[in-house]
Amino acid sequence: TANIVLGETAQKTTNKGIFFAAFYDITKDINASFEGRIQNDDVTNSSIIDDISRNSSTNSFLPRLAISWTVNEDINFYGQISKGNNPAGSNLNNLLPDFKATAGLVDARNGNTRVSDILEAFTDYEEEIIWTYEIGLKGSLLNKSLRYTTALYYTNWTNALNVATFNWFDGGPEHNGIPDAGYAFPVNYIIPETINAGKISGWGWEGDVIYNLTENFDMSVALSYVGNEYTEYCSVDSQDVYGLAATGDIDGIPCVDIAGNIQSGLSQKSATLSASYHRELTNNMEGYIRADARWASKQYIDPLNLGWIPSYAKANIRAGI
């Protein structure tokens, strides 16, 4: 059996925008700001071998509202709300003549329309939108020799983008009475598709402390937690990759509901510890030495949470002049 990965397109993205910001002192200690960006993302996918292209244009308004309260020179509270996005786009492979012909042939040989249905359903994907709500504290102690920050935030993604991998199996020179496209052996076609798979949300926390023990020696520690989960999410490639039974559908394409699973591609917990020392060696030269250690919890590699990268710890040390 031969594996053929289908993908033969190039992408050009043009971004144009206008940015503005306004600041207002509510009191001498409380300040507010409102920033925004009005932009257009123009994404054009073009075939490398065929004279075919497809354009997607996304108009968006990305605001950020922030407020801060300076209690005194050592304590500052803040809060902010912001919006981010990833522009809409397309899977141009789905429109290529040879690609569509191959899909139709595979469907005919397998006695269904599954591949053609996938191409039609996932030719285009919509804009991904991310809202973040955050409150935090920044401060210092011990005559500013110890500085700290901490933040609690909530993130909400809609139209979350994910790369789904579909497999189309062609059983050999002849199947269901229909010849293949020239291959004298079984072929497994593999195609990655960018799709809107659902919603992701969750709470997160991060904090760090930096302590200058002496003029030349300082230490720091940072901790973080990210609790993002799939709140509405249906995995459309689970049948192809894992052979799981469908429990829902997206645009008529069977999928497996994985709401409640942990977001893939990130470690939920992490910790970093650092120490550095520097001193003057001569009038024109300074030397330093720094050591860092980092630990991160396991990271799921797929939305189904079936595979993962184990937790790890690593350390490094460097010195220079």
Protein backbone atom coordinates (compact mmCIF):
# COMPACT_ATOMS: atom_id res chain seq x y z
CA THR A 1 0.00 0.00 0.00
CA ALA A 2 1.30 3.47 -0.92
CA ASN A 3 0.56 6.58 1.15
CA ILE A 4 0.00 9.71 -0.93
CA VAL A 5 -0.25 13.07 0.87
CA LEU A 6 -2.32 15.48 -1.19
CA GLY A 7 -1.36 19.14 -0.97
CA GLU A 8 -0.20 21.40 -3.79
CA THR A 9 -1.16 25.00 -3.00
CA ALA A 10 0.50 28.29 -2.04
CA GLN A 11 -0.98 31.05 0.12
CA LYS A 12 -0.66 34.85 0.05
CA THR A 13 -2.00 36.98 2.90
CA THR A 14 -2.41 40.76 2.90
CA ASN A 15 -3.35 42.62 6.08
CA LYS A 16 -4.54 46.24 6.12
CA GLY A 17 -5.68 47.99 9.25
CA ILE A 18 -6.25 51.17 11.20
CA PHE A 19 -5.29 51.36 14.88
CA PHE A 20 -6.56 53.83 17.46
CA ALA A 21 -6.21 54.32 21.22
CA ALA A 22 -7.85 56.56 23.81
CA PHE A 23 -6.75 57.05 27.42
CA TYR A 24 -8.68 58.53 30.33
CA ASP A 25 -7.68 59.28 33.93
CA ILE A 26 -10.74 58.45 36.03
CA THR A 27 -8.88 59.61 39.13
CA LYS A 28 -5.22 60.29 39.76
CA ASP A 29 -4.80 56.60 40.67
CA ILE A 30 -7.28 54.91 38.31
CA ASN A 31 -6.66 54.95 34.55
CA ALA A 32 -8.61 53.47 31.66
CA SER A 33 -7.81 52.90 28.02
CA PHE A 34 -9.69 51.74 24.95
CA GLU A 35 -7.77 50.51 21.94
CA GLY A 36 -8.97 49.00 18.72
CA ARG A 37 -7.89 47.78 15.34
CA ILE A 38 -10.13 47.78 12.29
CA GLN A 39 -8.59 45.49 9.73
CA ASN A 40 -9.04 43.43 6.62
CA ASP A 41 -7.26 40.12 6.02
CA ASP A 42 -7.19 39.10 2.37
CA VAL A 43 -6.13 35.47 1.93
CA THR A 44 -5.59 34.00 -1.54
CA ASN A 45 -4.81 30.34 -2.06
CA SER A 46 -3.36 29.40 -5.46
CA SER A 47 -2.63 26.07 -7.04
CA ILE A 48 0.99 25.33 -7.84
CA ILE A 49 0.11 23.20 -10.87
CA ASP A 50 -3.36 24.41 -11.95
CA ASP A 51 -4.63 27.87 -12.86
CA ILE A 52 -7.03 27.94 -9.92
CA SER A 53 -7.20 30.31 -6.94
CA ARG A 54 -9.69 31.13 -4.20
CA ASN A 55 -9.91 34.32 -2.19
CA SER A 56 -11.23 34.85 1.33
CA SER A 57 -11.68 38.32 2.84
CA THR A 58 -12.22 38.91 6.56
CA ASN A 59 -13.23 42.29 7.97
CA SER A 60 -12.80 42.50 11.73
CA PHE A 61 -12.81 44.87 14.66
CA LEU A 62 -10.43 43.88 17.45
CA PRO A 63 -10.99 45.96 20.62
CA ARG A 64 -9.11 46.02 23.92
CA LEU A 65 -10.49 47.67 27.06
CA ALA A 66 -8.16 48.04 30.06
CA ILE A 67 -8.32 49.63 33.51
CA SER A 68 -5.62 49.94 36.16
CA TRP A 69 -5.56 51.06 39.78
CA THR A 70 -2.28 52.19 41.32
CA VAL A 71 -2.83 51.66 45.04
CA ASN A 72 0.65 52.95 45.85
CA GLU A 73 4.12 52.81 44.31
CA ASP A 74 4.37 49.10 45.19
CA ILE A 75 0.91 47.76 44.26
CA ASN A 76 -1.03 47.93 40.99
CA PHE A 77 -4.24 46.11 40.07
CA TYR A 78 -5.44 45.82 36.48
CA GLY A 79 -8.14 44.25 34.35
CA GLN A 80 -8.63 43.93 30.60
CA ILE A 81 -10.88 42.49 27.93
CA SER A 82 -9.54 41.84 24.45
CA LYS A 83 -10.53 40.17 21.20
CA GLY A 84 -8.28 38.32 18.76
CA ASN A 85 -8.88 36.40 15.57
CA ASN A 86 -7.52 34.22 12.80
CA PRO A 87 -8.93 35.07 9.37
CA ALA A 88 -11.16 32.90 7.21
CA GLY A 89 -9.59 30.81 4.47
CA SER A 90 -10.02 27.84 2.19
CA ASN A 91 -8.73 24.37 1.41
CA LEU A 92 -8.00 24.93 -2.27
CA ASN A 93 -7.11 21.28 -2.88
CA ASN A 94 -10.83 20.54 -2.68
CA LEU A 95 -11.40 22.44 -5.95
CA LEU A 96 -8.55 21.07 -8.05
CA PRO A 97 -9.83 19.06 -11.07
CA ASP A 98 -7.49 16.08 -10.55
CA PHE A 99 -8.27 16.10 -6.87
CA LYS A 100 -12.03 16.08 -7.40
CA ALA A 101 -11.73 13.40 -10.06
CA THR A 102 -9.71 11.21 -7.71
CA ALA A 103 -12.28 11.78 -4.95
CA GLY A 104 -15.13 10.79 -7.24
CA LEU A 105 -13.27 7.70 -8.37
CA VAL A 106 -12.55 6.62 -4.80
CA ASP A 107 -16.22 7.16 -3.89
CA ALA A 108 -17.38 5.12 -6.86
CA ARG A 109 -15.00 2.30 -6.03
CA ASN A 110 -16.16 2.29 -2.40
CA GLY A 111 -19.84 2.63 -3.24
CA ASN A 112 -20.54 5.90 -1.43
CA THR A 113 -20.08 9.70 -1.70
CA ARG A 114 -18.11 10.26 1.49
CA VAL A 115 -14.97 11.83 -0.01
CA SER A 116 -16.90 14.16 -2.32
CA ASP A 117 -19.08 15.21 0.63
CA ILE A 118 -15.97 16.08 2.66
CA LEU A 119 -14.57 18.21 -0.17
CA GLU A 120 -17.83 20.13 -0.50
CA ALA A 121 -18.36 20.62 3.24
CA PHE A 122 -14.83 21.81 4.06
CA THR A 123 -13.77 23.86 1.03
CA ASP A 124 -13.98 27.06 3.13
CA TYR A 125 -13.56 27.77 6.83
CA GLU A 126 -14.76 30.76 8.83
CA GLU A 127 -12.95 33.32 10.97
CA GLU A 128 -11.77 32.03 14.35
CA ILE A 129 -12.56 34.45 17.22
CA ILE A 130 -10.87 34.53 20.63
CA TRP A 131 -12.06 36.63 23.59
CA THR A 132 -9.86 36.95 26.69
CA TYR A 133 -10.88 38.37 30.09
CA GLU A 134 -8.06 39.02 32.56
CA ILE A 135 -7.47 40.50 36.02
CA GLY A 136 -4.07 40.82 37.62
CA LEU A 137 -1.79 42.28 40.23
CA LYS A 138 1.73 43.68 39.95
CA GLY A 139 3.80 44.73 42.91
CA SER A 140 7.04 44.87 44.83
CA LEU A 141 8.33 44.26 48.36
CA LEU A 142 11.50 44.68 50.40
CA ASN A 143 12.32 48.09 48.99
CA LYS A 144 11.62 46.85 45.44
CA SER A 145 14.21 44.06 45.63
CA LEU A 146 11.36 41.56 45.25
CA ARG A 147 8.93 42.01 42.35
CA TYR A 148 5.87 39.89 41.63
CA THR A 149 3.02 39.56 39.12
CA THR A 150 -0.04 37.32 39.07
CA ALA A 151 -2.98 37.08 36.68
CA LEU A 152 -6.22 35.13 36.39
CA TYR A 153 -7.84 34.91 32.96
CA TYR A 154 -10.64 33.26 31.02
CA THR A 155 -10.43 32.49 27.31
CA ASN A 156 -13.31 31.72 24.95
CA TRP A 157 -12.75 30.54 21.36
CA THR A 158 -15.52 30.23 18.76
CA ASN A 159 -15.16 28.64 15.32
CA ALA A 160 -12.00 27.05 16.68
CA LEU A 161 -9.67 26.01 13.83
CA ASN A 162 -8.20 22.55 13.72
CA VAL A 163 -6.30 20.53 11.14
CA ALA A 164 -8.17 17.30 10.45
CA THR A 165 -6.51 14.48 8.52
CA PHE A 166 -8.70 12.38 6.24
CA ASN A 167 -7.70 9.03 4.77
CA TRP A 168 -9.22 7.74 1.54
CA PHE A 169 -8.45 4.13 0.86
CA ASP A 170 -8.41 2.86 -2.71
CA GLY A 171 -8.36 -0.94 -2.63
CA GLY A 172 -6.32 -1.78 -5.73
CA PRO A 173 -6.42 -2.03 -9.54
CA GLU A 174 -10.15 -2.78 -9.60
CA HIS A 175 -12.79 -2.43 -6.92
CA ASN A 176 -16.58 -2.63 -7.33
CA GLY A 177 -15.92 -3.05 -11.03
CA ILE A 178 -14.25 0.36 -11.35
CA PRO A 179 -10.56 0.64 -12.31
CA ASP A 180 -8.18 2.87 -10.37
CA ALA A 181 -6.49 6.06 -11.57
CA GLY A 182 -3.37 4.26 -12.73
CA TYR A 183 -2.04 2.65 -9.56
CA ALA A 184 -1.55 -1.12 -9.69
CA PHE A 185 -1.57 -1.42 -5.92
CA PRO A 186 -3.70 -0.28 -2.95
CA VAL A 187 -3.40 3.45 -2.27
CA ASN A 188 -4.13 5.36 0.94
CA TYR A 189 -4.75 9.02 0.10
CA ILE A 190 -4.00 11.41 2.99
CA ILE A 191 -5.32 14.97 3.04
CA PRO A 192 -4.99 17.60 5.79
CA GLU A 193 -7.98 19.97 6.00
CA THR A 194 -8.28 23.14 8.09
CA ILE A 195 -11.80 23.17 9.52
CA ASN A 196 -13.97 24.95 12.10
CA ALA A 197 -14.47 22.23 14.68
CA GLY A 198 -16.25 24.00 17.56
CA LYS A 199 -15.62 25.97 20.75
CA ILE A 200 -12.82 26.01 23.35
CA SER A 201 -12.89 27.77 26.72
CA GLY A 202 -11.20 27.66 30.10
CA TRP A 203 -9.61 29.41 33.04
CA GLY A 204 -5.91 30.06 33.38
CA TRP A 205 -3.52 31.44 35.98
CA GLU A 206 0.08 32.58 35.91
CA GLY A 207 2.43 34.19 38.37
CA ASP A 208 6.11 34.98 38.77
CA VAL A 209 8.46 36.33 41.43
CA ILE A 210 11.89 37.93 40.89
CA TYR A 211 14.13 38.48 43.90
CA ASN A 212 17.36 40.46 43.81
CA LEU A 213 19.24 38.90 46.70
CA THR A 214 22.26 41.16 46.14
CA GLU A 215 23.31 43.72 43.58
CA ASN A 216 24.83 40.93 41.51
CA PHE A 217 22.66 37.90 42.24
CA ASP A 218 18.96 37.34 41.49
CA MET A 219 16.55 34.42 41.37
CA SER A 220 13.11 34.00 39.80
CA VAL A 221 10.29 31.48 39.74
CA ALA A 222 7.28 31.32 37.41
CA LEU A 223 4.21 29.08 37.56
CA SER A 224 1.29 28.71 35.16
CA TYR A 225 -1.89 26.73 34.66
CA VAL A 226 -4.09 26.56 31.53
CA GLY A 227 -7.44 24.78 31.90
CA ASN A 228 -8.76 25.03 28.34
CA GLU A 229 -11.29 22.37 27.30
CA TYR A 230 -13.35 21.65 24.22
CA THR A 231 -16.83 22.83 25.19
CA GLU A 232 -18.42 22.15 21.79
CA TYR A 233 -16.29 20.06 19.51
CA CYS A 234 -16.88 17.23 17.08
CA SER A 235 -13.84 15.42 15.64
CA VAL A 236 -14.48 14.68 11.96
CA ASP A 237 -11.35 12.60 11.29
CA SER A 238 -11.77 10.21 14.24
CA GLN A 239 -13.35 7.52 12.06
CA ASP A 240 -10.49 7.66 9.56
CA VAL A 241 -7.64 7.77 12.06
CA TYR A 242 -9.03 5.74 14.97
CA GLY A 243 -12.07 3.94 13.56
CA LEU A 244 -14.40 5.36 16.23
CA ALA A 245 -18.18 5.31 15.85
CA ALA A 246 -19.80 8.64 14.97
CA THR A 247 -21.85 10.45 17.64
CA GLY A 248 -22.70 13.61 15.68
CA ASP A 249 -22.07 15.45 12.41
CA ILE A 250 -20.69 18.71 10.98
CA ASP A 251 -22.42 19.81 7.77
CA GLY A 252 -23.59 16.24 7.30
CA ILE A 253 -20.13 14.72 7.82
CA PRO A 254 -20.11 12.13 10.66
CA CYS A 255 -17.94 13.05 13.66
CA VAL A 256 -17.19 12.06 17.25
CA ASP A 257 -18.32 14.42 20.04
CA ILE A 258 -15.33 15.15 22.32
CA ALA A 259 -16.78 17.98 24.42
CA GLY A 260 -15.02 18.00 27.80
CA ASN A 261 -11.64 16.87 26.49
CA ILE A 262 -8.52 18.92 27.25
CA GLN A 263 -7.25 21.16 24.45
CA SER A 264 -4.43 19.49 22.56
CA GLY A 265 -1.05 21.07 21.86
CA LEU A 266 -0.42 22.61 25.28
CA SER A 267 0.78 21.65 28.75
CA GLN A 268 -1.75 22.49 31.44
CA LYS A 269 0.88 23.09 34.13
CA SER A 270 4.40 24.47 33.96
CA ALA A 271 7.09 25.83 36.29
CA THR A 272 10.36 27.66 35.67
CA LEU A 273 13.21 28.39 38.08
CA SER A 274 16.13 30.67 37.20
CA ALA A 275 19.21 32.11 38.91
CA SER A 276 21.81 34.49 37.55
CA TYR A 277 24.99 36.13 38.80
CA HIS A 278 27.00 38.88 37.16
CA ARG A 279 29.95 40.99 38.20
CA GLU A 280 32.44 43.41 36.76
CA LEU A 281 35.71 41.73 35.74
CA THR A 282 37.56 44.81 34.54
CA ASN A 283 36.65 48.41 33.89
CA ASN A 284 35.35 47.46 30.45
CA MET A 285 34.25 43.88 30.93
CA GLU A 286 31.50 42.08 32.85
CA GLY A 287 31.02 38.34 33.32
CA TYR A 288 27.83 36.41 34.00
CA ILE A 289 26.54 32.92 34.69
CA ARG A 290 22.89 31.84 34.46
CA ALA A 291 21.05 28.60 35.20
CA ASP A 292 17.47 27.74 34.19
CA ALA A 293 15.22 24.77 34.90
CA ARG A 294 11.77 24.15 33.41
CA TRP A 295 9.09 21.53 34.03
CA ALA A 296 5.91 21.02 31.98
CA SER A 297 3.06 18.55 32.42
CA LYS A 298 2.02 16.11 29.70
CA GLN A 299 0.62 17.48 26.47
CA TYR A 300 -2.11 15.80 24.43
CA ILE A 301 -1.27 15.58 20.73
CA ASP A 302 -4.83 15.12 19.48
CA PRO A 303 -8.27 16.47 20.47
CA LEU A 304 -9.44 12.94 21.34
CA ASN A 305 -6.82 12.86 24.16
CA LEU A 306 -5.72 9.39 23.05
CA GLY A 307 -2.05 10.22 22.57
CA TRP A 308 0.24 12.52 24.52
CA ILE A 309 3.77 13.73 25.08
CA PRO A 310 4.83 12.86 28.66
CA SER A 311 5.72 15.54 31.18
CA TYR A 312 9.34 16.64 31.00
CA ALA A 313 11.98 18.61 32.84
CA LYS A 314 15.05 20.25 31.35
CA ALA A 315 17.84 22.47 32.61
CA ASN A 316 20.60 24.54 31.06
CA ILE A 317 23.45 26.67 32.25
CA ARG A 318 25.41 29.29 30.38
CA ALA A 319 28.19 31.75 31.11
CA GLY A 320 29.82 34.54 29.19
CA ILE A 321 31.57 37.85 29.23
